[in-house]
């Protein structure tokens, strides 16, 4: 969880600052975001707060999972909460990204 969260932060920041452009591998790849470099960057700037929130939640939950490694029921509950909150943040980020890409 922690490694995935760190990767999300790094990739999100690189896309928002223009160091990663439209590509087939990473980033928010929708029809609107891949329309142009400007749309791609605007989308990732708009999604950045959502990505960062989701990543921070995943890091926090990952740390709690390590602390609760002897309590399997709690471990799965915390992991599930982290994944669900991250998924919600990513969906909201994608909506914001598409709106920003269309406006760009």
PDB file of N, CA and C in Angstrom:
ATOM      1  N   UNK A   1       0.823  -1.195   0.000  1.00  0.00           N
ATOM      2  CA  UNK A   1       0.000   0.000   0.000  1.00  0.00           C
ATOM      3  C   UNK A   1       0.864   1.255   0.000  1.00  0.00           C
ATOM      4  N   UNK A   2       1.889   1.232   0.825  1.00  0.00           N
ATOM      5  CA  UNK A   2       2.746   2.412   0.939  1.00  0.00           C
ATOM      6  C   UNK A   2       3.507   2.648  -0.367  1.00  0.00           C
ATOM      7  N   UNK A   3       4.035   1.589  -0.948  1.00  0.00           N
ATOM      8  CA  UNK A   3       4.788   1.733  -2.196  1.00  0.00           C
ATOM      9  C   UNK A   3       3.889   2.241  -3.321  1.00  0.00           C
ATOM     10  N   UNK A   4       2.673   1.718  -3.404  1.00  0.00           N
ATOM     11  CA  UNK A   4       1.732   2.183  -4.434  1.00  0.00           C
ATOM     12  C   UNK A   4       1.398   3.653  -4.225  1.00  0.00           C
ATOM     13  N   UNK A   5       1.223   4.065  -2.972  1.00  0.00           N
ATOM     14  CA  UNK A   5       0.903   5.462  -2.667  1.00  0.00           C
ATOM     15  C   UNK A   5       2.046   6.388  -3.060  1.00  0.00           C
ATOM     16  N   UNK A   6       3.261   5.982  -2.761  1.00  0.00           N
ATOM     17  CA  UNK A   6       4.418   6.800  -3.129  1.00  0.00           C
ATOM     18  C   UNK A   6       4.510   6.914  -4.649  1.00  0.00           C
ATOM     19  N   UNK A   7       4.271   5.815  -5.357  1.00  0.00           N
ATOM     20  CA  UNK A   7       4.289   5.845  -6.825  1.00  0.00           C
ATOM     21  C   UNK A   7       3.216   6.781  -7.358  1.00  0.00           C
ATOM     22  N   UNK A   8       2.029   6.767  -6.750  1.00  0.00           N
ATOM     23  CA  UNK A   8       0.953   7.669  -7.178  1.00  0.00           C
ATOM     24  C   UNK A   8       1.361   9.116  -7.005  1.00  0.00           C
ATOM     25  N   UNK A   9       1.988   9.442  -5.894  1.00  0.00           N
ATOM     26  CA  UNK A   9       2.420  10.822  -5.647  1.00  0.00           C
ATOM     27  C   UNK A   9       3.468  11.246  -6.676  1.00  0.00           C
ATOM     28  N   UNK A  10       4.467  10.403  -6.897  1.00  0.00           N
ATOM     29  CA  UNK A  10       5.548  10.739  -7.820  1.00  0.00           C
ATOM     30  C   UNK A  10       5.026  10.899  -9.247  1.00  0.00           C
ATOM     31  N   UNK A  11       4.240   9.928  -9.711  1.00  0.00           N
ATOM     32  CA  UNK A  11       3.716   9.985 -11.073  1.00  0.00           C
ATOM     33  C   UNK A  11       2.752  11.160 -11.231  1.00  0.00           C
ATOM     34  N   UNK A  12       1.888  11.377 -10.241  1.00  0.00           N
ATOM     35  CA  UNK A  12       0.956  12.505 -10.297  1.00  0.00           C
ATOM     36  C   UNK A  12       1.662  13.835 -10.370  1.00  0.00           C
ATOM     37  N   UNK A  13       2.707  14.001  -9.559  1.00  0.00           N
ATOM     38  CA  UNK A  13       3.480  15.257  -9.590  1.00  0.00           C
ATOM     39  C   UNK A  13       4.193  15.437 -10.924  1.00  0.00           C
ATOM     40  N   UNK A  14       4.765  14.363 -11.446  1.00  0.00           N
ATOM     41  CA  UNK A  14       5.476  14.463 -12.724  1.00  0.00           C
ATOM     42  C   UNK A  14       4.516  14.811 -13.864  1.00  0.00           C
ATOM     43  N   UNK A  15       3.323  14.235 -13.849  1.00  0.00           N
ATOM     44  CA  UNK A  15       2.348  14.550 -14.900  1.00  0.00           C
ATOM     45  C   UNK A  15       1.832  15.977 -14.749  1.00  0.00           C
ATOM     46  N   UNK A  16       1.622  16.421 -13.508  1.00  0.00           N
ATOM     47  CA  UNK A  16       1.101  17.779 -13.272  1.00  0.00           C
ATOM     48  C   UNK A  16       2.120  18.851 -13.643  1.00  0.00           C
ATOM     49  N   UNK A  17       3.408  18.529 -13.554  1.00  0.00           N
ATOM     50  CA  UNK A  17       4.437  19.511 -13.892  1.00  0.00           C
ATOM     51  C   UNK A  17       4.927  19.386 -15.333  1.00  0.00           C
ATOM     52  N   UNK A  18       4.363  18.447 -16.083  1.00  0.00           N
ATOM     53  CA  UNK A  18       4.732  18.318 -17.485  1.00  0.00           C
ATOM     54  C   UNK A  18       5.904  17.412 -17.767  1.00  0.00           C
ATOM     55  N   UNK A  19       6.446  16.765 -16.754  1.00  0.00           N
ATOM     56  CA  UNK A  19       7.584  15.873 -16.993  1.00  0.00           C
ATOM     57  C   UNK A  19       7.147  14.528 -17.578  1.00  0.00           C
ATOM     58  N   UNK A  20       5.867  14.198 -17.437  1.00  0.00           N
ATOM     59  CA  UNK A  20       5.302  13.026 -18.097  1.00  0.00           C
ATOM     60  C   UNK A  20       4.136  13.525 -18.941  1.00  0.00           C
ATOM     61  N   UNK A  21       4.221  13.308 -20.223  1.00  0.00           N
ATOM     62  CA  UNK A  21       3.148  13.727 -21.123  1.00  0.00           C
ATOM     63  C   UNK A  21       2.217  12.570 -21.433  1.00  0.00           C
ATOM     64  N   UNK A  22       1.282  12.789 -22.338  1.00  0.00           N
ATOM     65  CA  UNK A  22       0.357  11.716 -22.716  1.00  0.00           C
ATOM     66  C   UNK A  22       1.127  10.481 -23.167  1.00  0.00           C
ATOM     67  N   UNK A  23       0.734   9.340 -22.637  1.00  0.00           N
ATOM     68  CA  UNK A  23       1.437   8.097 -22.931  1.00  0.00           C
ATOM     69  C   UNK A  23       0.487   6.923 -22.709  1.00  0.00           C
ATOM     70  N   UNK A  24       0.859   5.733 -23.165  1.00  0.00           N
ATOM     71  CA  UNK A  24      -0.027   4.578 -22.991  1.00  0.00           C
ATOM     72  C   UNK A  24       0.144   3.856 -21.660  1.00  0.00           C
ATOM     73  N   UNK A  25       1.023   4.328 -20.788  1.00  0.00           N
ATOM     74  CA  UNK A  25       1.342   3.573 -19.584  1.00  0.00           C
ATOM     75  C   UNK A  25       0.877   4.117 -18.251  1.00  0.00           C
ATOM     76  N   UNK A  26       1.098   5.407 -17.980  1.00  0.00           N
ATOM     77  CA  UNK A  26       0.785   5.956 -16.656  1.00  0.00           C
ATOM     78  C   UNK A  26       0.053   7.283 -16.779  1.00  0.00           C
ATOM     79  N   UNK A  27      -0.655   7.632 -15.727  1.00  0.00           N
ATOM     80  CA  UNK A  27      -1.384   8.891 -15.685  1.00  0.00           C
ATOM     81  C   UNK A  27      -2.868   8.656 -15.906  1.00  0.00           C
ATOM     82  N   UNK A  28      -3.610   9.737 -15.949  1.00  0.00           N
ATOM     83  CA  UNK A  28      -5.051   9.672 -16.186  1.00  0.00           C
ATOM     84  C   UNK A  28      -5.244   9.683 -17.693  1.00  0.00           C
ATOM     85  N   UNK A  29      -5.508   8.512 -18.234  1.00  0.00           N
ATOM     86  CA  UNK A  29      -5.564   8.353 -19.689  1.00  0.00           C
ATOM     87  C   UNK A  29      -7.012   8.189 -20.141  1.00  0.00           C
ATOM     88  N   UNK A  30      -7.632   9.288 -20.448  1.00  0.00           N
ATOM     89  CA  UNK A  30      -8.978   9.268 -21.024  1.00  0.00           C
ATOM     90  C   UNK A  30      -8.909   9.981 -22.368  1.00  0.00           C
ATOM     91  N   UNK A  31      -9.993   9.902 -23.111  1.00  0.00           N
ATOM     92  CA  UNK A  31     -10.041  10.570 -24.416  1.00  0.00           C
ATOM     93  C   UNK A  31      -9.764  12.065 -24.267  1.00  0.00           C
ATOM     94  N   UNK A  32     -10.355  12.678 -23.249  1.00  0.00           N
ATOM     95  CA  UNK A  32     -10.176  14.115 -23.057  1.00  0.00           C
ATOM     96  C   UNK A  32      -8.768  14.478 -22.609  1.00  0.00           C
ATOM     97  N   UNK A  33      -8.184  13.693 -21.712  1.00  0.00           N
ATOM     98  CA  UNK A  33      -6.857  14.048 -21.191  1.00  0.00           C
ATOM     99  C   UNK A  33      -5.747  13.802 -22.207  1.00  0.00           C
ATOM    100  N   UNK A  34      -5.963  12.892 -23.135  1.00  0.00           N
ATOM    101  CA  UNK A  34      -4.933  12.579 -24.124  1.00  0.00           C
ATOM    102  C   UNK A  34      -5.079  13.395 -25.401  1.00  0.00           C
ATOM    103  N   UNK A  35      -6.019  14.323 -25.415  1.00  0.00           N
ATOM    104  CA  UNK A  35      -6.277  15.140 -26.609  1.00  0.00           C
ATOM    105  C   UNK A  35      -5.076  16.026 -26.961  1.00  0.00           C
ATOM    106  N   UNK A  36      -4.399  16.565 -25.953  1.00  0.00           N
ATOM    107  CA  UNK A  36      -3.242  17.429 -26.203  1.00  0.00           C
ATOM    108  C   UNK A  36      -2.377  17.494 -24.948  1.00  0.00           C
ATOM    109  N   UNK A  37      -1.178  18.013 -25.117  1.00  0.00           N
ATOM    110  CA  UNK A  37      -0.278  18.211 -23.962  1.00  0.00           C
ATOM    111  C   UNK A  37      -0.920  19.157 -22.943  1.00  0.00           C
ATOM    112  N   UNK A  38      -1.554  20.207 -23.442  1.00  0.00           N
ATOM    113  CA  UNK A  38      -2.194  21.188 -22.561  1.00  0.00           C
ATOM    114  C   UNK A  38      -3.332  20.548 -21.768  1.00  0.00           C
ATOM    115  N   UNK A  39      -4.152  19.746 -22.433  1.00  0.00           N
ATOM    116  CA  UNK A  39      -5.260  19.064 -21.752  1.00  0.00           C
ATOM    117  C   UNK A  39      -4.727  18.067 -20.727  1.00  0.00           C
ATOM    118  N   UNK A  40      -3.664  17.343 -21.086  1.00  0.00           N
ATOM    119  CA  UNK A  40      -3.053  16.364 -20.184  1.00  0.00           C
ATOM    120  C   UNK A  40      -2.569  17.044 -18.903  1.00  0.00           C
ATOM    121  N   UNK A  41      -1.828  18.129 -19.061  1.00  0.00           N
ATOM    122  CA  UNK A  41      -1.286  18.803 -17.888  1.00  0.00           C
ATOM    123  C   UNK A  41      -2.391  19.452 -17.057  1.00  0.00           C
ATOM    124  N   UNK A  42      -3.346  20.092 -17.692  1.00  0.00           N
ATOM    125  CA  UNK A  42      -4.455  20.703 -16.953  1.00  0.00           C
ATOM    126  C   UNK A  42      -5.215  19.645 -16.159  1.00  0.00           C
ATOM    127  N   UNK A  43      -5.414  18.485 -16.758  1.00  0.00           N
ATOM    128  CA  UNK A  43      -6.119  17.399 -16.086  1.00  0.00           C
ATOM    129  C   UNK A  43      -5.358  16.938 -14.843  1.00  0.00           C
ATOM    130  N   UNK A  44      -4.062  16.780 -14.973  1.00  0.00           N
ATOM    131  CA  UNK A  44      -3.283  16.285 -13.841  1.00  0.00           C
ATOM    132  C   UNK A  44      -3.105  17.337 -12.742  1.00  0.00           C
ATOM    133  N   UNK A  45      -3.083  18.589 -13.118  1.00  0.00           N
ATOM    134  CA  UNK A  45      -3.064  19.654 -12.103  1.00  0.00           C
ATOM    135  C   UNK A  45      -4.375  19.622 -11.319  1.00  0.00           C
ATOM    136  N   UNK A  46      -5.497  19.453 -12.019  1.00  0.00           N
ATOM    137  CA  UNK A  46      -6.804  19.407 -11.353  1.00  0.00           C
ATOM    138  C   UNK A  46      -6.950  18.172 -10.473  1.00  0.00           C
ATOM    139  N   UNK A  47      -6.380  17.066 -10.892  1.00  0.00           N
ATOM    140  CA  UNK A  47      -6.503  15.811 -10.135  1.00  0.00           C
ATOM    141  C   UNK A  47      -5.509  15.701  -8.980  1.00  0.00           C
ATOM    142  N   UNK A  48      -4.478  16.512  -8.997  1.00  0.00           N
ATOM    143  CA  UNK A  48      -3.390  16.385  -8.009  1.00  0.00           C
ATOM    144  C   UNK A  48      -3.865  16.370  -6.554  1.00  0.00           C
ATOM    145  N   UNK A  49      -4.748  17.260  -6.101  1.00  0.00           N
ATOM    146  CA  UNK A  49      -5.168  17.201  -4.693  1.00  0.00           C
ATOM    147  C   UNK A  49      -5.883  15.893  -4.342  1.00  0.00           C
ATOM    148  N   UNK A  50      -6.643  15.359  -5.275  1.00  0.00           N
ATOM    149  CA  UNK A  50      -7.344  14.100  -5.035  1.00  0.00           C
ATOM    150  C   UNK A  50      -6.354  12.936  -4.965  1.00  0.00           C
ATOM    151  N   UNK A  51      -5.385  12.942  -5.868  1.00  0.00           N
ATOM    152  CA  UNK A  51      -4.363  11.898  -5.879  1.00  0.00           C
ATOM    153  C   UNK A  51      -3.560  11.949  -4.582  1.00  0.00           C
ATOM    154  N   UNK A  52      -3.176  13.140  -4.177  1.00  0.00           N
ATOM    155  CA  UNK A  52      -2.398  13.270  -2.946  1.00  0.00           C
ATOM    156  C   UNK A  52      -3.200  12.832  -1.725  1.00  0.00           C
ATOM    157  N   UNK A  53      -4.486  13.195  -1.662  1.00  0.00           N
ATOM    158  CA  UNK A  53      -5.325  12.766  -0.551  1.00  0.00           C
ATOM    159  C   UNK A  53      -5.419  11.240  -0.515  1.00  0.00           C
ATOM    160  N   UNK A  54      -5.713  10.635  -1.658  1.00  0.00           N
ATOM    161  CA  UNK A  54      -5.801   9.177  -1.720  1.00  0.00           C
ATOM    162  C   UNK A  54      -4.503   8.510  -1.325  1.00  0.00           C
ATOM    163  N   UNK A  55      -3.386   9.074  -1.750  1.00  0.00           N
ATOM    164  CA  UNK A  55      -2.079   8.504  -1.413  1.00  0.00           C
ATOM    165  C   UNK A  55      -1.779   8.640   0.079  1.00  0.00           C
ATOM    166  N   UNK A  56      -2.095   9.770   0.672  1.00  0.00           N
ATOM    167  CA  UNK A  56      -1.862   9.959   2.113  1.00  0.00           C
ATOM    168  C   UNK A  56      -2.708   8.976   2.915  1.00  0.00           C
ATOM    169  N   UNK A  57      -3.947   8.770   2.504  1.00  0.00           N
ATOM    170  CA  UNK A  57      -4.811   7.790   3.174  1.00  0.00           C
ATOM    171  C   UNK A  57      -4.191   6.400   3.064  1.00  0.00           C
ATOM    172  N   UNK A  58      -3.703   6.048   1.877  1.00  0.00           N
ATOM    173  CA  UNK A  58      -3.082   4.735   1.689  1.00  0.00           C
ATOM    174  C   UNK A  58      -1.823   4.583   2.549  1.00  0.00           C
ATOM    175  N   UNK A  59      -1.022   5.625   2.655  1.00  0.00           N
ATOM    176  CA  UNK A  59       0.182   5.555   3.489  1.00  0.00           C
ATOM    177  C   UNK A  59      -0.205   5.365   4.950  1.00  0.00           C
ATOM    178  N   UNK A  60      -1.176   6.142   5.406  1.00  0.00           N
ATOM    179  CA  UNK A  60      -1.631   6.017   6.799  1.00  0.00           C
ATOM    180  C   UNK A  60      -2.175   4.617   7.065  1.00  0.00           C
ATOM    181  N   UNK A  61      -2.999   4.120   6.177  1.00  0.00           N
ATOM    182  CA  UNK A  61      -3.562   2.778   6.362  1.00  0.00           C
ATOM    183  C   UNK A  61      -2.472   1.713   6.286  1.00  0.00           C
ATOM    184  N   UNK A  62      -1.506   1.906   5.411  1.00  0.00           N
ATOM    185  CA  UNK A  62      -0.386   0.966   5.335  1.00  0.00           C
ATOM    186  C   UNK A  62       0.398   0.911   6.630  1.00  0.00           C
ATOM    187  N   UNK A  63       0.597   2.064   7.252  1.00  0.00           N
ATOM    188  CA  UNK A  63       1.303   2.100   8.542  1.00  0.00           C
ATOM    189  C   UNK A  63       0.484   1.397   9.628  1.00  0.00           C
ATOM    190  N   UNK A  64      -0.818   1.609   9.631  1.00  0.00           N
ATOM    191  CA  UNK A  64      -1.689   0.952  10.607  1.00  0.00           C
ATOM    192  C   UNK A  64      -1.693  -0.561  10.375  1.00  0.00           C
ATOM    193  N   UNK A  65      -1.688  -0.980   9.105  1.00  0.00           N
ATOM    194  CA  UNK A  65      -1.639  -2.411   8.791  1.00  0.00           C
ATOM    195  C   UNK A  65      -0.378  -3.036   9.370  1.00  0.00           C
ATOM    196  N   UNK A  66       0.754  -2.362   9.250  1.00  0.00           N
ATOM    197  CA  UNK A  66       1.987  -2.872   9.848  1.00  0.00           C
ATOM    198  C   UNK A  66       1.840  -3.005  11.358  1.00  0.00           C
ATOM    199  N   UNK A  67       1.228  -2.016  11.974  1.00  0.00           N
ATOM    200  CA  UNK A  67       1.068  -2.033  13.434  1.00  0.00           C
ATOM    201  C   UNK A  67       0.096  -3.120  13.886  1.00  0.00           C
ATOM    202  N   UNK A  68      -0.866  -3.468  13.036  1.00  0.00           N
ATOM    203  CA  UNK A  68      -1.884  -4.452  13.413  1.00  0.00           C
ATOM    204  C   UNK A  68      -1.629  -5.830  12.808  1.00  0.00           C
ATOM    205  N   UNK A  69      -0.402  -6.117  12.445  1.00  0.00           N
ATOM    206  CA  UNK A  69      -0.117  -7.368  11.751  1.00  0.00           C
ATOM    207  C   UNK A  69      -0.503  -8.601  12.566  1.00  0.00           C
ATOM    208  N   UNK A  70      -0.641  -8.478  13.886  1.00  0.00           N
ATOM    209  CA  UNK A  70      -1.027  -9.621  14.716  1.00  0.00           C
ATOM    210  C   UNK A  70      -2.546  -9.738  14.868  1.00  0.00           C
ATOM    211  N   UNK A  71      -3.298  -8.788  14.325  1.00  0.00           N
ATOM    212  CA  UNK A  71      -4.764  -8.792  14.401  1.00  0.00           C
ATOM    213  C   UNK A  71      -5.350  -8.870  12.987  1.00  0.00           C
ATOM    214  N   UNK A  72      -5.488 -10.075  12.421  1.00  0.00           N
ATOM    215  CA  UNK A  72      -5.914 -10.197  11.023  1.00  0.00           C
ATOM    216  C   UNK A  72      -7.241  -9.521  10.697  1.00  0.00           C
ATOM    217  N   UNK A  73      -8.233  -9.617  11.563  1.00  0.00           N
ATOM    218  CA  UNK A  73      -9.536  -9.008  11.257  1.00  0.00           C
ATOM    219  C   UNK A  73      -9.411  -7.493  11.130  1.00  0.00           C
ATOM    220  N   UNK A  74      -8.696  -6.872  12.043  1.00  0.00           N
ATOM    221  CA  UNK A  74      -8.501  -5.426  11.995  1.00  0.00           C
ATOM    222  C   UNK A  74      -7.648  -5.038  10.789  1.00  0.00           C
ATOM    223  N   UNK A  75      -6.666  -5.851  10.496  1.00  0.00           N
ATOM    224  CA  UNK A  75      -5.772  -5.588   9.371  1.00  0.00           C
ATOM    225  C   UNK A  75      -6.566  -5.510   8.072  1.00  0.00           C
ATOM    226  N   UNK A  76      -7.439  -6.478   7.839  1.00  0.00           N
ATOM    227  CA  UNK A  76      -8.227  -6.480   6.606  1.00  0.00           C
ATOM    228  C   UNK A  76      -9.206  -5.312   6.569  1.00  0.00           C
ATOM    229  N   UNK A  77      -9.766  -4.964   7.708  1.00  0.00           N
ATOM    230  CA  UNK A  77     -10.688  -3.829   7.767  1.00  0.00           C
ATOM    231  C   UNK A  77     -10.002  -2.525   7.421  1.00  0.00           C
ATOM    232  N   UNK A  78      -8.827  -2.307   7.987  1.00  0.00           N
ATOM    233  CA  UNK A  78      -8.074  -1.075   7.715  1.00  0.00           C
ATOM    234  C   UNK A  78      -7.646  -1.038   6.250  1.00  0.00           C
ATOM    235  N   UNK A  79      -7.177  -2.153   5.738  1.00  0.00           N
ATOM    236  CA  UNK A  79      -6.762  -2.203   4.335  1.00  0.00           C
ATOM    237  C   UNK A  79      -7.946  -1.911   3.420  1.00  0.00           C
ATOM    238  N   UNK A  80      -9.101  -2.467   3.734  1.00  0.00           N
ATOM    239  CA  UNK A  80     -10.292  -2.231   2.917  1.00  0.00           C
ATOM    240  C   UNK A  80     -10.703  -0.763   2.945  1.00  0.00           C
ATOM    241  N   UNK A  81     -10.689  -0.160   4.125  1.00  0.00           N
ATOM    242  CA  UNK A  81     -11.033   1.263   4.243  1.00  0.00           C
ATOM    243  C   UNK A  81     -10.063   2.103   3.415  1.00  0.00           C
ATOM    244  N   UNK A  82      -8.789   1.801   3.500  1.00  0.00           N
ATOM    245  CA  UNK A  82      -7.788   2.545   2.734  1.00  0.00           C
ATOM    246  C   UNK A  82      -8.002   2.444   1.238  1.00  0.00           C
ATOM    247  N   UNK A  83      -8.263   1.249   0.767  1.00  0.00           N
ATOM    248  CA  UNK A  83      -8.471   1.040  -0.676  1.00  0.00           C
ATOM    249  C   UNK A  83      -9.760   1.735  -1.147  1.00  0.00           C
ATOM    250  N   UNK A  84     -10.821   1.641  -0.358  1.00  0.00           N
ATOM    251  CA  UNK A  84     -12.083   2.278  -0.739  1.00  0.00           C
ATOM    252  C   UNK A  84     -11.933   3.799  -0.784  1.00  0.00           C
ATOM    253  N   UNK A  85     -11.314   4.385   0.243  1.00  0.00           N
ATOM    254  CA  UNK A  85     -11.118   5.837   0.252  1.00  0.00           C
ATOM    255  C   UNK A  85     -10.230   6.285  -0.895  1.00  0.00           C
ATOM    256  N   UNK A  86      -9.197   5.509  -1.190  1.00  0.00           N
ATOM    257  CA  UNK A  86      -8.317   5.838  -2.303  1.00  0.00           C
ATOM    258  C   UNK A  86      -9.084   5.755  -3.617  1.00  0.00           C
ATOM    259  N   UNK A  87      -9.919   4.736  -3.783  1.00  0.00           N
ATOM    260  CA  UNK A  87     -10.700   4.597  -5.013  1.00  0.00           C
ATOM    261  C   UNK A  87     -11.671   5.770  -5.191  1.00  0.00           C
ATOM    262  N   UNK A  88     -12.301   6.195  -4.107  1.00  0.00           N
ATOM    263  CA  UNK A  88     -13.205   7.352  -4.176  1.00  0.00           C
ATOM    264  C   UNK A  88     -12.429   8.604  -4.576  1.00  0.00           C
ATOM    265  N   UNK A  89     -11.260   8.797  -3.964  1.00  0.00           N
ATOM    266  CA  UNK A  89     -10.433   9.961  -4.304  1.00  0.00           C
ATOM    267  C   UNK A  89     -10.014   9.916  -5.770  1.00  0.00           C
ATOM    268  N   UNK A  90      -9.668   8.734  -6.286  1.00  0.00           N
ATOM    269  CA  UNK A  90      -9.255   8.612  -7.684  1.00  0.00           C
ATOM    270  C   UNK A  90     -10.427   8.886  -8.624  1.00  0.00           C
ATOM    271  N   UNK A  91     -11.616   8.421  -8.274  1.00  0.00           N
ATOM    272  CA  UNK A  91     -12.794   8.710  -9.113  1.00  0.00           C
ATOM    273  C   UNK A  91     -13.086  10.203  -9.150  1.00  0.00           C
ATOM    274  N   UNK A  92     -13.056  10.855  -7.990  1.00  0.00           N
ATOM    275  CA  UNK A  92     -13.280  12.305  -7.951  1.00  0.00           C
ATOM    276  C   UNK A  92     -12.185  13.040  -8.715  1.00  0.00           C
ATOM    277  N   UNK A  93     -10.952  12.563  -8.591  1.00  0.00           N
ATOM    278  CA  UNK A  93      -9.839  13.161  -9.331  1.00  0.00           C
ATOM    279  C   UNK A  93      -9.993  13.008 -10.831  1.00  0.00           C
ATOM    280  N   UNK A  94     -10.496  11.866 -11.262  1.00  0.00           N
ATOM    281  CA  UNK A  94     -10.707  11.640 -12.688  1.00  0.00           C
ATOM    282  C   UNK A  94     -11.806  12.551 -13.231  1.00  0.00           C
ATOM    283  N   UNK A  95     -12.859  12.745 -12.462  1.00  0.00           N
ATOM    284  CA  UNK A  95     -13.926  13.663 -12.876  1.00  0.00           C
ATOM    285  C   UNK A  95     -13.366  15.077 -13.010  1.00  0.00           C
ATOM    286  N   UNK A  96     -12.608  15.520 -12.006  1.00  0.00           N
ATOM    287  CA  UNK A  96     -11.996  16.852 -12.066  1.00  0.00           C
ATOM    288  C   UNK A  96     -11.027  16.957 -13.236  1.00  0.00           C
ATOM    289  N   UNK A  97     -10.275  15.897 -13.476  1.00  0.00           N
ATOM    290  CA  UNK A  97      -9.306  15.894 -14.574  1.00  0.00           C
ATOM    291  C   UNK A  97      -9.997  16.035 -15.929  1.00  0.00           C
ATOM    292  N   UNK A  98     -11.060  15.282 -16.134  1.00  0.00           N
ATOM    293  CA  UNK A  98     -11.774  15.373 -17.420  1.00  0.00           C
ATOM    294  C   UNK A  98     -12.385  16.750 -17.625  1.00  0.00           C
ATOM    295  N   UNK A  99     -12.928  17.324 -16.568  1.00  0.00           N
ATOM    296  CA  UNK A  99     -13.488  18.692 -16.689  1.00  0.00           C
ATOM    297  C   UNK A  99     -12.393  19.688 -17.069  1.00  0.00           C
ATOM    298  N   UNK A 100     -11.251  19.571 -16.400  1.00  0.00           N
ATOM    299  CA  UNK A 100     -10.145  20.494 -16.696  1.00  0.00           C
ATOM    300  C   UNK A 100      -9.603  20.273 -18.113  1.00  0.00           C
ATOM    301  N   UNK A 101      -9.539  19.022 -18.541  1.00  0.00           N
ATOM    302  CA  UNK A 101      -9.034  18.724 -19.880  1.00  0.00           C
ATOM    303  C   UNK A 101      -9.967  19.295 -20.948  1.00  0.00           C
ATOM    304  N   UNK A 102     -11.268  19.166 -20.732  1.00  0.00           N
ATOM    305  CA  UNK A 102     -12.229  19.714 -21.696  1.00  0.00           C
ATOM    306  C   UNK A 102     -12.137  21.237 -21.762  1.00  0.00           C
ATOM    307  N   UNK A 103     -11.870  21.877 -20.617  1.00  0.00           N
ATOM    308  CA  UNK A 103     -11.800  23.326 -20.561  1.00  0.00           C
ATOM    309  C   UNK A 103     -10.491  23.864 -21.160  1.00  0.00           C
ATOM    310  N   UNK A 104      -9.476  23.034 -21.204  1.00  0.00           N
ATOM    311  CA  UNK A 104      -8.153  23.497 -21.670  1.00  0.00           C
ATOM    312  C   UNK A 104      -8.122  23.715 -23.172  1.00  0.00           C
TER     313      UNK A 104
END
